[in-house]
């Protein structure tokens, strides 16, 4: 990728990662299983389009992959 659009989890236990925001279109205070939410980094790479939300891409590997919007298959 010329722009880092893949969302991954590090195995480094000391890494705190990057801050994310979780928002519900329903404006509720609590997140529960099955709720539709938007997840995104609070600071996105300069090359990523805005708004930059997480999306699931099927068909790239055996399991779905999480990418930022702007990936050609989103």
Protein backbone atom coordinates (compact mmCIF):
# COMPACT_ATOMS: atom_id res chain seq x y z
CA UNK A 1 0.00 0.00 0.00
CA UNK A 2 1.31 3.47 -0.82
CA UNK A 3 -0.80 4.79 2.06
CA UNK A 4 -1.15 2.76 5.30
CA UNK A 5 -4.82 1.80 5.13
CA UNK A 6 -4.70 -1.59 6.88
CA UNK A 7 -5.68 -1.72 10.56
CA UNK A 8 -3.53 -4.24 12.46
CA UNK A 9 -2.86 -5.24 16.05
CA UNK A 10 0.73 -5.28 17.28
CA UNK A 11 2.14 -8.08 19.42
CA UNK A 12 4.20 -5.55 21.39
CA UNK A 13 2.66 -5.42 24.87
CA UNK A 14 4.33 -2.05 25.54
CA UNK A 15 2.74 -0.35 22.54
CA UNK A 16 -0.38 1.62 23.42
CA UNK A 17 -1.35 2.02 19.77
CA UNK A 18 -3.17 5.00 18.31
CA UNK A 19 -6.27 6.69 19.74
CA UNK A 20 -9.60 5.86 18.12
CA UNK A 21 -13.09 7.28 18.30
CA UNK A 22 -16.23 5.15 18.52
CA UNK A 23 -19.48 6.83 17.51
CA UNK A 24 -23.04 5.59 17.24
CA UNK A 25 -25.47 7.13 14.75
CA UNK A 26 -28.08 6.75 17.51
CA UNK A 27 -26.24 9.07 19.92
CA UNK A 28 -26.26 6.62 22.83
CA UNK A 29 -23.71 6.47 25.64
CA UNK A 30 -23.14 2.70 25.83
CA UNK A 31 -21.86 0.31 23.17
CA UNK A 32 -23.28 -3.20 23.17
CA UNK A 33 -22.82 -6.24 20.93
CA UNK A 34 -24.66 -5.89 17.64
CA UNK A 35 -24.82 -2.08 17.76
CA UNK A 36 -23.92 -0.29 14.52
CA UNK A 37 -20.95 1.99 15.22
CA UNK A 38 -18.37 4.01 13.31
CA UNK A 39 -14.76 3.42 14.40
CA UNK A 40 -11.89 5.57 13.22
CA UNK A 41 -8.50 6.90 14.22
CA UNK A 42 -8.54 10.36 15.78
CA UNK A 43 -5.40 11.21 13.77
CA UNK A 44 -5.26 9.65 10.30
CA UNK A 45 -2.37 9.41 7.80
CA UNK A 46 -2.15 12.49 5.57
CA UNK A 47 -2.67 10.31 2.49
CA UNK A 48 -5.95 8.80 3.80
CA UNK A 49 -9.23 10.37 2.70
CA UNK A 50 -11.47 12.08 5.26
CA UNK A 51 -13.60 11.08 6.99
CA UNK A 52 -11.46 8.03 7.64
CA UNK A 53 -13.57 5.24 9.11
CA UNK A 54 -12.79 1.56 9.54
CA UNK A 55 -14.47 -0.84 7.14
CA UNK A 56 -14.39 -4.62 6.68
CA UNK A 57 -13.06 -5.98 3.38
CA UNK A 58 -13.95 -9.54 2.40
CA UNK A 59 -12.11 -11.69 -0.11
CA UNK A 60 -8.50 -10.57 0.43
CA UNK A 61 -7.57 -13.50 2.64
CA UNK A 62 -9.22 -16.34 4.52
CA UNK A 63 -10.65 -13.91 7.07
CA UNK A 64 -12.08 -10.41 6.63
CA UNK A 65 -9.54 -7.57 6.80
CA UNK A 66 -10.10 -4.16 8.42
CA UNK A 67 -9.08 -1.18 6.27
CA UNK A 68 -9.54 2.57 6.40
CA UNK A 69 -12.01 4.04 3.92
CA UNK A 70 -10.25 4.92 0.70
CA UNK A 71 -9.12 1.39 -0.05
CA UNK A 72 -10.23 0.53 -3.58
CA UNK A 73 -12.64 -2.23 -2.44
CA UNK A 74 -14.49 -0.29 0.30
